[in-house]
PDB file of N, CA and C in Angstrom:
ATOM      1  N   TYR A   1       2.667  -9.655 -15.718  1.00  0.00           N
ATOM      2  CA  TYR A   1       3.546 -10.290 -16.125  1.00  0.00           C
ATOM      3  C   TYR A   1       3.879 -11.713 -16.726  1.00  0.00           C
ATOM      4  N   ALA A   2       3.271 -12.502 -14.993  1.00  0.00           N
ATOM      5  CA  ALA A   2       3.052 -14.053 -15.430  1.00  0.00           C
ATOM      6  C   ALA A   2       2.252 -14.971 -15.348  1.00  0.00           C
ATOM      7  N   GLN A   3       1.352 -14.377 -14.845  1.00  0.00           N
ATOM      8  CA  GLN A   3       0.216 -15.024 -15.622  1.00  0.00           C
ATOM      9  C   GLN A   3      -0.632 -14.527 -16.646  1.00  0.00           C
ATOM     10  N   ARG A   4      -0.908 -15.278 -17.152  1.00  0.00           N
ATOM     11  CA  ARG A   4      -0.997 -15.747 -19.255  1.00  0.00           C
ATOM     12  C   ARG A   4      -2.956 -15.427 -18.559  1.00  0.00           C
ATOM     13  N   PRO A   5      -3.610 -14.837 -19.064  1.00  0.00           N
ATOM     14  CA  PRO A   5      -4.985 -14.031 -19.051  1.00  0.00           C
ATOM     15  C   PRO A   5      -5.615 -14.699 -19.955  1.00  0.00           C
ATOM     16  N   LEU A   6      -7.238 -14.384 -19.781  1.00  0.00           N
ATOM     17  CA  LEU A   6      -7.534 -15.897 -19.396  1.00  0.00           C
ATOM     18  C   LEU A   6      -8.145 -16.343 -20.358  1.00  0.00           C
ATOM     19  N   THR A   7      -7.958 -17.229 -21.493  1.00  0.00           N
ATOM     20  CA  THR A   7      -9.012 -17.089 -23.065  1.00  0.00           C
ATOM     21  C   THR A   7      -9.654 -17.425 -23.346  1.00  0.00           C
ATOM     22  N   SER A   8     -10.819 -17.038 -24.322  1.00  0.00           N
ATOM     23  CA  SER A   8     -11.535 -17.752 -24.959  1.00  0.00           C
ATOM     24  C   SER A   8     -12.063 -18.889 -24.391  1.00  0.00           C
ATOM     25  N   ASP A   9     -11.485 -19.794 -24.628  1.00  0.00           N
ATOM     26  CA  ASP A   9     -11.376 -21.536 -24.545  1.00  0.00           C
ATOM     27  C   ASP A   9     -11.646 -21.619 -22.918  1.00  0.00           C
ATOM     28  N   SER A  10     -10.747 -21.660 -22.371  1.00  0.00           N
ATOM     29  CA  SER A  10      -9.933 -21.432 -20.434  1.00  0.00           C
ATOM     30  C   SER A  10     -12.074 -20.799 -19.558  1.00  0.00           C
ATOM     31  N   LEU A  11     -12.297 -19.677 -20.483  1.00  0.00           N
ATOM     32  CA  LEU A  11     -13.711 -19.020 -19.881  1.00  0.00           C
ATOM     33  C   LEU A  11     -14.721 -20.252 -20.222  1.00  0.00           C
ATOM     34  N   GLN A  12     -14.620 -20.628 -21.441  1.00  0.00           N
ATOM     35  CA  GLN A  12     -15.767 -21.720 -22.244  1.00  0.00           C
ATOM     36  C   GLN A  12     -15.441 -22.701 -20.533  1.00  0.00           C
ATOM     37  N   GLN A  13     -14.745 -23.203 -20.463  1.00  0.00           N
ATOM     38  CA  GLN A  13     -14.716 -24.543 -20.060  1.00  0.00           C
ATOM     39  C   GLN A  13     -15.648 -23.813 -18.295  1.00  0.00           C
ATOM     40  N   LEU A  14     -15.198 -22.749 -17.749  1.00  0.00           N
ATOM     41  CA  LEU A  14     -15.641 -22.238 -16.264  1.00  0.00           C
ATOM     42  C   LEU A  14     -16.578 -22.465 -16.066  1.00  0.00           C
ATOM     43  N   LEU A  15     -16.672 -21.573 -17.085  1.00  0.00           N
ATOM     44  CA  LEU A  15     -18.587 -21.860 -17.445  1.00  0.00           C
ATOM     45  C   LEU A  15     -18.987 -22.532 -16.929  1.00  0.00           C
ATOM     46  N   GLN A  16     -18.028 -24.081 -17.708  1.00  0.00           N
ATOM     47  CA  GLN A  16     -19.450 -24.947 -18.324  1.00  0.00           C
ATOM     48  C   GLN A  16     -18.898 -26.060 -16.878  1.00  0.00           C
ATOM     49  N   ILE A  17     -18.221 -25.943 -15.168  1.00  0.00           N
ATOM     50  CA  ILE A  17     -18.268 -25.617 -14.663  1.00  0.00           C
ATOM     51  C   ILE A  17     -19.035 -25.134 -13.310  1.00  0.00           C
ATOM     52  N   HIS A  18     -19.678 -23.702 -14.468  1.00  0.00           N
ATOM     53  CA  HIS A  18     -20.249 -23.262 -13.427  1.00  0.00           C
ATOM     54  C   HIS A  18     -21.785 -23.145 -13.564  1.00  0.00           C
ATOM     55  N   PRO A  19     -23.068 -23.812 -13.274  1.00  0.00           N
ATOM     56  CA  PRO A  19     -23.842 -23.983 -14.074  1.00  0.00           C
ATOM     57  C   PRO A  19     -25.239 -23.120 -13.877  1.00  0.00           C
ATOM     58  N   GLU A  20     -24.785 -22.118 -12.294  1.00  0.00           N
ATOM     59  CA  GLU A  20     -25.671 -21.747 -11.706  1.00  0.00           C
ATOM     60  C   GLU A  20     -25.881 -20.553 -11.755  1.00  0.00           C
ATOM     61  N   LYS A  21     -27.406 -20.011 -11.275  1.00  0.00           N
ATOM     62  CA  LYS A  21     -27.646 -18.074 -12.578  1.00  0.00           C
ATOM     63  C   LYS A  21     -27.528 -17.461 -11.064  1.00  0.00           C
ATOM     64  N   ASP A  22     -26.286 -16.978 -10.522  1.00  0.00           N
ATOM     65  CA  ASP A  22     -25.014 -16.494 -10.248  1.00  0.00           C
ATOM     66  C   ASP A  22     -24.480 -15.036 -10.917  1.00  0.00           C
ATOM     67  N   THR A  23     -23.901 -14.465 -10.281  1.00  0.00           N
ATOM     68  CA  THR A  23     -23.870 -12.648 -10.240  1.00  0.00           C
ATOM     69  C   THR A  23     -22.111 -13.486 -11.098  1.00  0.00           C
ATOM     70  N   ASN A  24     -21.960 -13.991 -10.619  1.00  0.00           N
ATOM     71  CA  ASN A  24     -20.135 -14.905 -11.167  1.00  0.00           C
ATOM     72  C   ASN A  24     -20.560 -15.286 -12.663  1.00  0.00           C
ATOM     73  N   ARG A  25     -21.346 -15.825 -12.652  1.00  0.00           N
ATOM     74  CA  ARG A  25     -21.919 -16.880 -13.671  1.00  0.00           C
ATOM     75  C   ARG A  25     -22.748 -15.455 -14.771  1.00  0.00           C
ATOM     76  N   VAL A  26     -22.782 -14.387 -14.678  1.00  0.00           N
ATOM     77  CA  VAL A  26     -22.976 -13.141 -14.973  1.00  0.00           C
ATOM     78  C   VAL A  26     -21.019 -12.646 -15.865  1.00  0.00           C
ATOM     79  N   GLY A  27     -20.407 -12.240 -15.010  1.00  0.00           N
ATOM     80  CA  GLY A  27     -19.311 -11.831 -15.644  1.00  0.00           C
ATOM     81  C   GLY A  27     -18.482 -12.657 -15.741  1.00  0.00           C
ATOM     82  N   LEU A  28     -19.122 -14.303 -15.876  1.00  0.00           N
ATOM     83  CA  LEU A  28     -17.849 -15.189 -17.334  1.00  0.00           C
ATOM     84  C   LEU A  28     -18.053 -14.793 -18.990  1.00  0.00           C
ATOM     85  N   LEU A  29     -19.738 -14.470 -18.813  1.00  0.00           N
ATOM     86  CA  LEU A  29     -20.357 -14.376 -20.065  1.00  0.00           C
ATOM     87  C   LEU A  29     -20.190 -13.094 -20.576  1.00  0.00           C
ATOM     88  N   ASN A  30     -19.631 -11.659 -19.809  1.00  0.00           N
ATOM     89  CA  ASN A  30     -19.297 -11.218 -20.315  1.00  0.00           C
ATOM     90  C   ASN A  30     -17.899 -11.203 -20.359  1.00  0.00           C
ATOM     91  N   GLN A  31     -17.502 -12.072 -20.047  1.00  0.00           N
ATOM     92  CA  GLN A  31     -16.091 -11.763 -20.625  1.00  0.00           C
ATOM     93  C   GLN A  31     -16.333 -12.245 -21.749  1.00  0.00           C
ATOM     94  N   LEU A  32     -17.114 -12.989 -22.036  1.00  0.00           N
ATOM     95  CA  LEU A  32     -16.743 -14.324 -22.855  1.00  0.00           C
ATOM     96  C   LEU A  32     -17.544 -13.155 -24.110  1.00  0.00           C
ATOM     97  N   ALA A  33     -18.306 -12.673 -23.433  1.00  0.00           N
ATOM     98  CA  ALA A  33     -18.673 -11.753 -25.027  1.00  0.00           C
ATOM     99  C   ALA A  33     -17.716 -10.304 -25.305  1.00  0.00           C
ATOM    100  N   PHE A  34     -16.620 -10.354 -23.916  1.00  0.00           N
ATOM    101  CA  PHE A  34     -15.598  -9.608 -24.627  1.00  0.00           C
ATOM    102  C   PHE A  34     -14.626 -10.283 -25.425  1.00  0.00           C
ATOM    103  N   ALA A  35     -14.600 -11.207 -24.868  1.00  0.00           N
ATOM    104  CA  ALA A  35     -13.588 -11.511 -26.160  1.00  0.00           C
ATOM    105  C   ALA A  35     -14.013 -12.733 -27.321  1.00  0.00           C
ATOM    106  N   ASN A  36     -15.222 -12.556 -27.348  1.00  0.00           N
ATOM    107  CA  ASN A  36     -15.448 -12.419 -28.934  1.00  0.00           C
ATOM    108  C   ASN A  36     -15.851 -11.950 -29.344  1.00  0.00           C
ATOM    109  N   TYR A  37     -15.880 -10.508 -29.170  1.00  0.00           N
ATOM    110  CA  TYR A  37     -16.347  -9.787 -29.833  1.00  0.00           C
ATOM    111  C   TYR A  37     -17.004  -8.710 -31.288  1.00  0.00           C
ATOM    112  N   TYR A  38     -15.347  -9.447 -31.873  1.00  0.00           N
ATOM    113  CA  TYR A  38     -15.230  -8.541 -32.765  1.00  0.00           C
ATOM    114  C   TYR A  38     -13.967 -10.546 -33.785  1.00  0.00           C
ATOM    115  N   ASN A  39     -14.203 -11.553 -33.407  1.00  0.00           N
ATOM    116  CA  ASN A  39     -13.545 -12.502 -34.454  1.00  0.00           C
ATOM    117  C   ASN A  39     -15.436 -13.174 -34.023  1.00  0.00           C
ATOM    118  N   SER A  40     -16.299 -13.542 -33.172  1.00  0.00           N
ATOM    119  CA  SER A  40     -17.026 -14.283 -33.377  1.00  0.00           C
ATOM    120  C   SER A  40     -18.264 -13.212 -33.485  1.00  0.00           C
ATOM    121  N   PRO A  41     -18.928 -11.836 -33.546  1.00  0.00           N
ATOM    122  CA  PRO A  41     -20.109 -11.854 -32.550  1.00  0.00           C
ATOM    123  C   PRO A  41     -21.236 -12.562 -33.015  1.00  0.00           C
ATOM    124  N   MET A  42     -21.741 -12.793 -33.363  1.00  0.00           N
ATOM    125  CA  MET A  42     -22.870 -13.110 -33.185  1.00  0.00           C
ATOM    126  C   MET A  42     -22.723 -14.732 -31.500  1.00  0.00           C
ATOM    127  N   SER A  43     -22.007 -14.725 -31.196  1.00  0.00           N
ATOM    128  CA  SER A  43     -21.549 -15.313 -29.831  1.00  0.00           C
ATOM    129  C   SER A  43     -20.980 -15.009 -29.002  1.00  0.00           C
ATOM    130  N   SER A  44     -20.433 -13.474 -29.553  1.00  0.00           N
ATOM    131  CA  SER A  44     -21.506 -12.213 -28.129  1.00  0.00           C
ATOM    132  C   SER A  44     -22.321 -12.159 -27.887  1.00  0.00           C
ATOM    133  N   LEU A  45     -23.251 -11.584 -28.687  1.00  0.00           N
ATOM    134  CA  LEU A  45     -24.085 -11.833 -28.254  1.00  0.00           C
ATOM    135  C   LEU A  45     -24.693 -12.688 -27.952  1.00  0.00           C
ATOM    136  N   GLN A  46     -24.580 -14.119 -28.085  1.00  0.00           N
ATOM    137  CA  GLN A  46     -24.897 -15.025 -27.433  1.00  0.00           C
ATOM    138  C   GLN A  46     -24.579 -15.113 -25.254  1.00  0.00           C
ATOM    139  N   TYR A  47     -24.138 -14.585 -25.188  1.00  0.00           N
ATOM    140  CA  TYR A  47     -22.915 -14.235 -23.388  1.00  0.00           C
ATOM    141  C   TYR A  47     -23.474 -13.178 -23.996  1.00  0.00           C
ATOM    142  N   GLY A  48     -23.420 -12.196 -24.645  1.00  0.00           N
ATOM    143  CA  GLY A  48     -24.546 -10.300 -23.692  1.00  0.00           C
ATOM    144  C   GLY A  48     -26.089 -10.881 -23.713  1.00  0.00           C
ATOM    145  N   PHE A  49     -26.982 -11.712 -23.955  1.00  0.00           N
ATOM    146  CA  PHE A  49     -27.326 -11.547 -24.220  1.00  0.00           C
ATOM    147  C   PHE A  49     -28.238 -12.064 -22.339  1.00  0.00           C
ATOM    148  N   GLU A  50     -27.369 -13.787 -22.758  1.00  0.00           N
ATOM    149  CA  GLU A  50     -27.278 -14.592 -21.225  1.00  0.00           C
ATOM    150  C   GLU A  50     -27.005 -13.698 -20.185  1.00  0.00           C
ATOM    151  N   ALA A  51     -26.179 -13.335 -20.661  1.00  0.00           N
ATOM    152  CA  ALA A  51     -25.677 -12.168 -18.895  1.00  0.00           C
ATOM    153  C   ALA A  51     -26.754 -11.280 -18.517  1.00  0.00           C
ATOM    154  N   GLN A  52     -26.871 -10.461 -19.345  1.00  0.00           N
ATOM    155  CA  GLN A  52     -27.865 -10.059 -19.149  1.00  0.00           C
ATOM    156  C   GLN A  52     -29.439 -10.501 -18.321  1.00  0.00           C
ATOM    157  N   LYS A  53     -29.709 -11.251 -18.773  1.00  0.00           N
ATOM    158  CA  LYS A  53     -31.359 -11.488 -19.165  1.00  0.00           C
ATOM    159  C   LYS A  53     -30.682 -12.165 -16.573  1.00  0.00           C
ATOM    160  N   ILE A  54     -29.489 -13.115 -16.301  1.00  0.00           N
ATOM    161  CA  ILE A  54     -29.466 -13.635 -15.431  1.00  0.00           C
ATOM    162  C   ILE A  54     -29.623 -11.958 -14.433  1.00  0.00           C
ATOM    163  N   ALA A  55     -29.311 -11.249 -14.878  1.00  0.00           N
ATOM    164  CA  ALA A  55     -27.737 -10.084 -14.526  1.00  0.00           C
ATOM    165  C   ALA A  55     -30.046  -9.494 -13.764  1.00  0.00           C
ATOM    166  N   ASP A  56     -30.093  -8.887 -15.001  1.00  0.00           N
ATOM    167  CA  ASP A  56     -31.997  -8.145 -14.761  1.00  0.00           C
ATOM    168  C   ASP A  56     -32.395  -9.236 -13.748  1.00  0.00           C
ATOM    169  N   SER A  57     -32.371 -10.001 -13.235  1.00  0.00           N
ATOM    170  CA  SER A  57     -32.969 -11.904 -12.538  1.00  0.00           C
ATOM    171  C   SER A  57     -31.932 -11.520 -11.885  1.00  0.00           C
ATOM    172  N   LEU A  58     -31.235 -11.061 -11.346  1.00  0.00           N
ATOM    173  CA  LEU A  58     -31.292 -10.481 -10.338  1.00  0.00           C
ATOM    174  C   LEU A  58     -30.785  -9.324  -9.562  1.00  0.00           C
ATOM    175  N   GLY A  59     -31.210  -8.417  -9.969  1.00  0.00           N
ATOM    176  CA  GLY A  59     -30.883  -6.756  -9.818  1.00  0.00           C
ATOM    177  C   GLY A  59     -29.309  -7.195  -9.240  1.00  0.00           C
ATOM    178  N   TYR A  60     -28.792  -7.067 -10.512  1.00  0.00           N
ATOM    179  CA  TYR A  60     -26.890  -7.601 -10.392  1.00  0.00           C
ATOM    180  C   TYR A  60     -27.143  -6.347 -11.500  1.00  0.00           C
ATOM    181  N   VAL A  61     -27.541  -4.931 -11.099  1.00  0.00           N
ATOM    182  CA  VAL A  61     -27.030  -3.642 -12.303  1.00  0.00           C
ATOM    183  C   VAL A  61     -25.712  -3.672 -12.660  1.00  0.00           C
ATOM    184  N   LYS A  62     -24.475  -3.321 -11.550  1.00  0.00           N
ATOM    185  CA  LYS A  62     -23.391  -3.677 -12.928  1.00  0.00           C
ATOM    186  C   LYS A  62     -23.301  -4.689 -14.066  1.00  0.00           C
ATOM    187  N   GLY A  63     -23.360  -6.158 -13.207  1.00  0.00           N
ATOM    188  CA  GLY A  63     -23.457  -6.838 -14.781  1.00  0.00           C
ATOM    189  C   GLY A  63     -25.273  -6.161 -15.822  1.00  0.00           C
ATOM    190  N   GLU A  64     -25.550  -5.907 -15.016  1.00  0.00           N
ATOM    191  CA  GLU A  64     -26.934  -5.557 -16.114  1.00  0.00           C
ATOM    192  C   GLU A  64     -26.026  -4.299 -16.891  1.00  0.00           C
ATOM    193  N   ALA A  65     -25.283  -3.940 -16.925  1.00  0.00           N
ATOM    194  CA  ALA A  65     -24.481  -2.497 -17.664  1.00  0.00           C
ATOM    195  C   ALA A  65     -24.077  -3.005 -18.912  1.00  0.00           C
ATOM    196  N   GLU A  66     -23.046  -3.812 -18.039  1.00  0.00           N
ATOM    197  CA  GLU A  66     -21.581  -4.065 -18.648  1.00  0.00           C
ATOM    198  C   GLU A  66     -22.143  -5.221 -20.245  1.00  0.00           C
ATOM    199  N   ALA A  67     -23.453  -5.718 -19.817  1.00  0.00           N
ATOM    200  CA  ALA A  67     -24.166  -7.099 -20.368  1.00  0.00           C
ATOM    201  C   ALA A  67     -24.208  -6.082 -21.724  1.00  0.00           C
ATOM    202  N   PHE A  68     -25.429  -5.116 -21.452  1.00  0.00           N
ATOM    203  CA  PHE A  68     -25.514  -4.503 -23.066  1.00  0.00           C
ATOM    204  C   PHE A  68     -24.329  -3.538 -23.437  1.00  0.00           C
ATOM    205  N   ARG A  69     -23.582  -3.191 -22.398  1.00  0.00           N
ATOM    206  CA  ARG A  69     -22.312  -2.984 -22.861  1.00  0.00           C
ATOM    207  C   ARG A  69     -21.710  -3.521 -24.643  1.00  0.00           C
ATOM    208  N   GLN A  70     -21.624  -5.050 -24.032  1.00  0.00           N
ATOM    209  CA  GLN A  70     -20.778  -6.322 -24.704  1.00  0.00           C
ATOM    210  C   GLN A  70     -21.943  -6.784 -25.515  1.00  0.00           C
ATOM    211  N   ILE A  71     -23.162  -6.136 -25.862  1.00  0.00           N
ATOM    212  CA  ILE A  71     -23.857  -6.253 -26.748  1.00  0.00           C
ATOM    213  C   ILE A  71     -23.755  -5.625 -27.489  1.00  0.00           C
ATOM    214  N   GLY A  72     -23.954  -3.794 -27.869  1.00  0.00           N
ATOM    215  CA  GLY A  72     -23.169  -2.887 -27.799  1.00  0.00           C
ATOM    216  C   GLY A  72     -22.941  -3.244 -29.466  1.00  0.00           C
ATOM    217  N   LEU A  73     -21.299  -3.690 -28.409  1.00  0.00           N
ATOM    218  CA  LEU A  73     -19.810  -4.453 -28.870  1.00  0.00           C
ATOM    219  C   LEU A  73     -20.068  -4.752 -29.979  1.00  0.00           C
ATOM    220  N   ALA A  74     -21.040  -5.815 -29.462  1.00  0.00           N
ATOM    221  CA  ALA A  74     -21.133  -7.239 -31.197  1.00  0.00           C
ATOM    222  C   ALA A  74     -21.544  -6.672 -32.340  1.00  0.00           C
ATOM    223  N   PHE A  75     -22.786  -5.999 -31.907  1.00  0.00           N
ATOM    224  CA  PHE A  75     -23.093  -5.018 -32.950  1.00  0.00           C
ATOM    225  C   PHE A  75     -22.450  -3.593 -33.720  1.00  0.00           C
ATOM    226  N   TRP A  76     -21.823  -3.399 -33.537  1.00  0.00           N
ATOM    227  CA  TRP A  76     -20.284  -2.135 -33.201  1.00  0.00           C
ATOM    228  C   TRP A  76     -19.538  -3.336 -34.371  1.00  0.00           C
ATOM    229  N   ALA A  77     -19.380  -4.368 -34.135  1.00  0.00           N
ATOM    230  CA  ALA A  77     -18.172  -5.329 -34.732  1.00  0.00           C
ATOM    231  C   ALA A  77     -19.007  -5.665 -35.904  1.00  0.00           C
ATOM    232  N   GLN A  78     -19.870  -5.619 -35.827  1.00  0.00           N
ATOM    233  CA  GLN A  78     -21.135  -6.042 -37.611  1.00  0.00           C
ATOM    234  C   GLN A  78     -21.367  -4.462 -38.025  1.00  0.00           C
ATOM    235  N   SER A  79     -20.914  -3.210 -37.831  1.00  0.00           N
ATOM    236  CA  SER A  79     -20.427  -2.129 -39.123  1.00  0.00           C
ATOM    237  C   SER A  79     -22.630  -2.127 -38.652  1.00  0.00           C
ATOM    238  N   ASP A  80     -23.190  -2.390 -37.431  1.00  0.00           N
ATOM    239  CA  ASP A  80     -24.532  -2.254 -36.937  1.00  0.00           C
ATOM    240  C   ASP A  80     -24.578  -0.905 -36.296  1.00  0.00           C
ATOM    241  N   MET A  81     -23.849   0.526 -36.479  1.00  0.00           N
ATOM    242  CA  MET A  81     -23.988   0.965 -35.175  1.00  0.00           C
ATOM    243  C   MET A  81     -24.850   1.637 -35.015  1.00  0.00           C
ATOM    244  N   LEU A  82     -26.222   2.086 -35.827  1.00  0.00           N
ATOM    245  CA  LEU A  82     -27.433   2.196 -34.550  1.00  0.00           C
ATOM    246  C   LEU A  82     -27.700   1.775 -33.549  1.00  0.00           C
ATOM    247  N   THR A  83     -27.653   0.012 -33.798  1.00  0.00           N
ATOM    248  CA  THR A  83     -28.423  -0.230 -32.723  1.00  0.00           C
ATOM    249  C   THR A  83     -26.783  -0.898 -31.698  1.00  0.00           C
ATOM    250  N   ALA A  84     -25.890  -0.501 -32.648  1.00  0.00           N
ATOM    251  CA  ALA A  84     -24.990  -1.038 -31.058  1.00  0.00           C
ATOM    252  C   ALA A  84     -25.523   0.653 -30.138  1.00  0.00           C
ATOM    253  N   ILE A  85     -24.926   2.234 -30.820  1.00  0.00           N
ATOM    254  CA  ILE A  85     -25.687   2.536 -29.533  1.00  0.00           C
ATOM    255  C   ILE A  85     -26.674   2.827 -28.587  1.00  0.00           C
ATOM    256  N   ASN A  86     -27.782   1.981 -29.449  1.00  0.00           N
ATOM    257  CA  ASN A  86     -28.993   2.377 -28.738  1.00  0.00           C
ATOM    258  C   ASN A  86     -28.353   1.016 -27.294  1.00  0.00           C
ATOM    259  N   TYR A  87     -28.034  -0.219 -27.304  1.00  0.00           N
ATOM    260  CA  TYR A  87     -27.515  -1.117 -26.470  1.00  0.00           C
ATOM    261  C   TYR A  87     -26.957  -0.383 -25.627  1.00  0.00           C
ATOM    262  N   PHE A  88     -25.602   0.689 -26.109  1.00  0.00           N
ATOM    263  CA  PHE A  88     -24.575   1.252 -25.135  1.00  0.00           C
ATOM    264  C   PHE A  88     -25.476   2.618 -24.211  1.00  0.00           C
ATOM    265  N   LEU A  89     -26.269   2.912 -24.591  1.00  0.00           N
ATOM    266  CA  LEU A  89     -26.972   4.526 -24.071  1.00  0.00           C
ATOM    267  C   LEU A  89     -28.026   2.801 -22.917  1.00  0.00           C
ATOM    268  N   THR A  90     -28.321   2.077 -23.637  1.00  0.00           N
ATOM    269  CA  THR A  90     -29.298   1.427 -22.301  1.00  0.00           C
ATOM    270  C   THR A  90     -28.339   1.132 -20.596  1.00  0.00           C
ATOM    271  N   GLY A  91     -27.020   0.939 -21.589  1.00  0.00           N
ATOM    272  CA  GLY A  91     -25.535   0.540 -19.780  1.00  0.00           C
ATOM    273  C   GLY A  91     -25.572   1.269 -19.521  1.00  0.00           C
ATOM    274  N   LEU A  92     -25.017   3.097 -19.702  1.00  0.00           N
ATOM    275  CA  LEU A  92     -24.696   4.033 -19.920  1.00  0.00           C
ATOM    276  C   LEU A  92     -25.929   4.507 -18.633  1.00  0.00           C
ATOM    277  N   ARG A  93     -26.770   4.782 -19.397  1.00  0.00           N
ATOM    278  CA  ARG A  93     -27.962   4.938 -18.356  1.00  0.00           C
ATOM    279  C   ARG A  93     -28.101   3.852 -17.298  1.00  0.00           C
ATOM    280  N   ILE A  94     -27.937   2.762 -17.236  1.00  0.00           N
ATOM    281  CA  ILE A  94     -27.787   1.695 -16.246  1.00  0.00           C
ATOM    282  C   ILE A  94     -26.843   2.361 -15.099  1.00  0.00           C
ATOM    283  N   ALA A  95     -25.577   2.371 -15.919  1.00  0.00           N
ATOM    284  CA  ALA A  95     -24.240   2.792 -14.661  1.00  0.00           C
ATOM    285  C   ALA A  95     -24.863   4.305 -14.381  1.00  0.00           C
ATOM    286  N   GLU A  96     -24.896   5.420 -14.792  1.00  0.00           N
ATOM    287  CA  GLU A  96     -24.930   6.352 -14.333  1.00  0.00           C
ATOM    288  C   GLU A  96     -25.659   6.537 -13.352  1.00  0.00           C
ATOM    289  N   GLN A  97     -26.958   5.788 -13.257  1.00  0.00           N
ATOM    290  CA  GLN A  97     -28.109   5.670 -12.305  1.00  0.00           C
ATOM    291  C   GLN A  97     -27.754   4.984 -10.820  1.00  0.00           C
ATOM    292  N   ASN A  98     -26.642   3.852 -11.424  1.00  0.00           N
ATOM    293  CA  ASN A  98     -26.141   3.325 -10.174  1.00  0.00           C
ATOM    294  C   ASN A  98     -24.078   3.863  -9.477  1.00  0.00           C
ATOM    295  N   GLY A  99     -24.439   4.449 -10.444  1.00  0.00           N
ATOM    296  CA  GLY A  99     -22.773   4.849 -10.210  1.00  0.00           C
ATOM    297  C   GLY A  99     -21.734   3.821 -10.182  1.00  0.00           C
ATOM    298  N   LEU A 100     -22.150   3.982 -11.297  1.00  0.00           N
ATOM    299  CA  LEU A 100     -20.666   2.866 -11.720  1.00  0.00           C
ATOM    300  C   LEU A 100     -20.229   3.601 -12.672  1.00  0.00           C
ATOM    301  N   ARG A 101     -18.682   3.950 -11.703  1.00  0.00           N
ATOM    302  CA  ARG A 101     -17.945   5.475 -12.413  1.00  0.00           C
ATOM    303  C   ARG A 101     -17.469   4.617 -14.121  1.00  0.00           C
ATOM    304  N   GLN A 102     -16.458   3.363 -14.045  1.00  0.00           N
ATOM    305  CA  GLN A 102     -15.061   2.923 -14.917  1.00  0.00           C
ATOM    306  C   GLN A 102     -16.578   2.610 -15.984  1.00  0.00           C
ATOM    307  N   THR A 103     -17.911   1.963 -15.640  1.00  0.00           N
ATOM    308  CA  THR A 103     -18.781   0.853 -16.775  1.00  0.00           C
ATOM    309  C   THR A 103     -19.331   2.184 -17.553  1.00  0.00           C
ATOM    310  N   GLU A 104     -19.577   3.516 -17.024  1.00  0.00           N
ATOM    311  CA  GLU A 104     -20.022   4.744 -17.627  1.00  0.00           C
ATOM    312  C   GLU A 104     -19.157   5.625 -18.547  1.00  0.00           C
ATOM    313  N   ALA A 105     -17.754   5.343 -17.911  1.00  0.00           N
ATOM    314  CA  ALA A 105     -16.492   6.007 -18.730  1.00  0.00           C
ATOM    315  C   ALA A 105     -16.451   4.805 -20.065  1.00  0.00           C
ATOM    316  N   ASP A 106     -15.853   4.005 -19.492  1.00  0.00           N
ATOM    317  CA  ASP A 106     -16.794   2.783 -21.358  1.00  0.00           C
ATOM    318  C   ASP A 106     -17.267   2.278 -22.171  1.00  0.00           C
ATOM    319  N   ILE A 107     -18.145   2.895 -21.784  1.00  0.00           N
ATOM    320  CA  ILE A 107     -19.142   2.978 -22.332  1.00  0.00           C
ATOM    321  C   ILE A 107     -19.343   3.816 -22.776  1.00  0.00           C
ATOM    322  N   LEU A 108     -19.236   5.550 -22.579  1.00  0.00           N
ATOM    323  CA  LEU A 108     -18.842   6.925 -23.544  1.00  0.00           C
ATOM    324  C   LEU A 108     -17.752   7.280 -24.565  1.00  0.00           C
ATOM    325  N   SER A 109     -16.932   6.072 -24.101  1.00  0.00           N
ATOM    326  CA  SER A 109     -15.549   5.313 -25.111  1.00  0.00           C
ATOM    327  C   SER A 109     -16.303   5.345 -26.276  1.00  0.00           C
ATOM    328  N   ASN A 110     -17.230   3.711 -25.711  1.00  0.00           N
ATOM    329  CA  ASN A 110     -17.622   2.908 -27.323  1.00  0.00           C
ATOM    330  C   ASN A 110     -18.239   3.985 -28.068  1.00  0.00           C
ATOM    331  N   ILE A 111     -19.004   4.652 -26.585  1.00  0.00           N
ATOM    332  CA  ILE A 111     -20.279   5.623 -27.673  1.00  0.00           C
ATOM    333  C   ILE A 111     -19.684   6.810 -28.651  1.00  0.00           C
ATOM    334  N   GLY A 112     -18.229   7.262 -28.680  1.00  0.00           N
ATOM    335  CA  GLY A 112     -17.707   7.816 -29.125  1.00  0.00           C
ATOM    336  C   GLY A 112     -17.683   6.445 -30.324  1.00  0.00           C
ATOM    337  N   THR A 113     -16.559   6.281 -29.766  1.00  0.00           N
ATOM    338  CA  THR A 113     -15.735   5.181 -30.882  1.00  0.00           C
ATOM    339  C   THR A 113     -17.637   5.138 -31.892  1.00  0.00           C
ATOM    340  N   ALA A 114     -18.290   4.441 -31.122  1.00  0.00           N
ATOM    341  CA  ALA A 114     -19.632   4.216 -32.421  1.00  0.00           C
ATOM    342  C   ALA A 114     -20.004   5.823 -33.312  1.00  0.00           C
ATOM    343  N   TYR A 115     -19.779   6.755 -32.937  1.00  0.00           N
ATOM    344  CA  TYR A 115     -20.017   7.221 -33.343  1.00  0.00           C
ATOM    345  C   TYR A 115     -18.997   7.502 -35.186  1.00  0.00           C
ATOM    346  N   ASN A 116     -18.288   7.754 -34.458  1.00  0.00           N
ATOM    347  CA  ASN A 116     -16.548   7.763 -34.609  1.00  0.00           C
ATOM    348  C   ASN A 116     -16.885   7.184 -36.750  1.00  0.00           C
ATOM    349  N   GLY A 117     -17.059   5.803 -36.322  1.00  0.00           N
ATOM    350  CA  GLY A 117     -17.851   5.364 -37.258  1.00  0.00           C
ATOM    351  C   GLY A 117     -18.460   5.295 -38.343  1.00  0.00           C
ATOM    352  N   MET A 118     -19.586   6.098 -37.790  1.00  0.00           N
ATOM    353  CA  MET A 118     -20.567   6.838 -38.940  1.00  0.00           C
ATOM    354  C   MET A 118     -20.129   8.517 -39.183  1.00  0.00           C
ATOM    355  N   ASN A 119     -18.776   9.029 -38.847  1.00  0.00           N
ATOM    356  CA  ASN A 119     -18.109   9.808 -39.170  1.00  0.00           C
ATOM    357  C   ASN A 119     -19.006  10.966 -39.677  1.00  0.00           C
TER     358      ASN A 119
END
């Protein structure tokens, strides 16, 4: 409770001082995507797609699964449920194949929320 959470501004500053395309950058991009998915879904998409591209090039499956989740959240925030579900399912497949249980659980929750939004 004593620590303040990272904000979009502070994450952006960290991203600027960390230009290397590595797993740390993927994590920062995914955090930025999450921080922006509701208020700025287009920015969230940009961060998510960049994170996915870097994670894929590194073979960083956890980062890639999370990037697909973030992309899905951005589409969900724009009420594009079908596209959101497609990205969630891609991330879920990666998470399941690699035993990323927490990521699986998060994505399954997101899928349920998207289907609920479709009635």
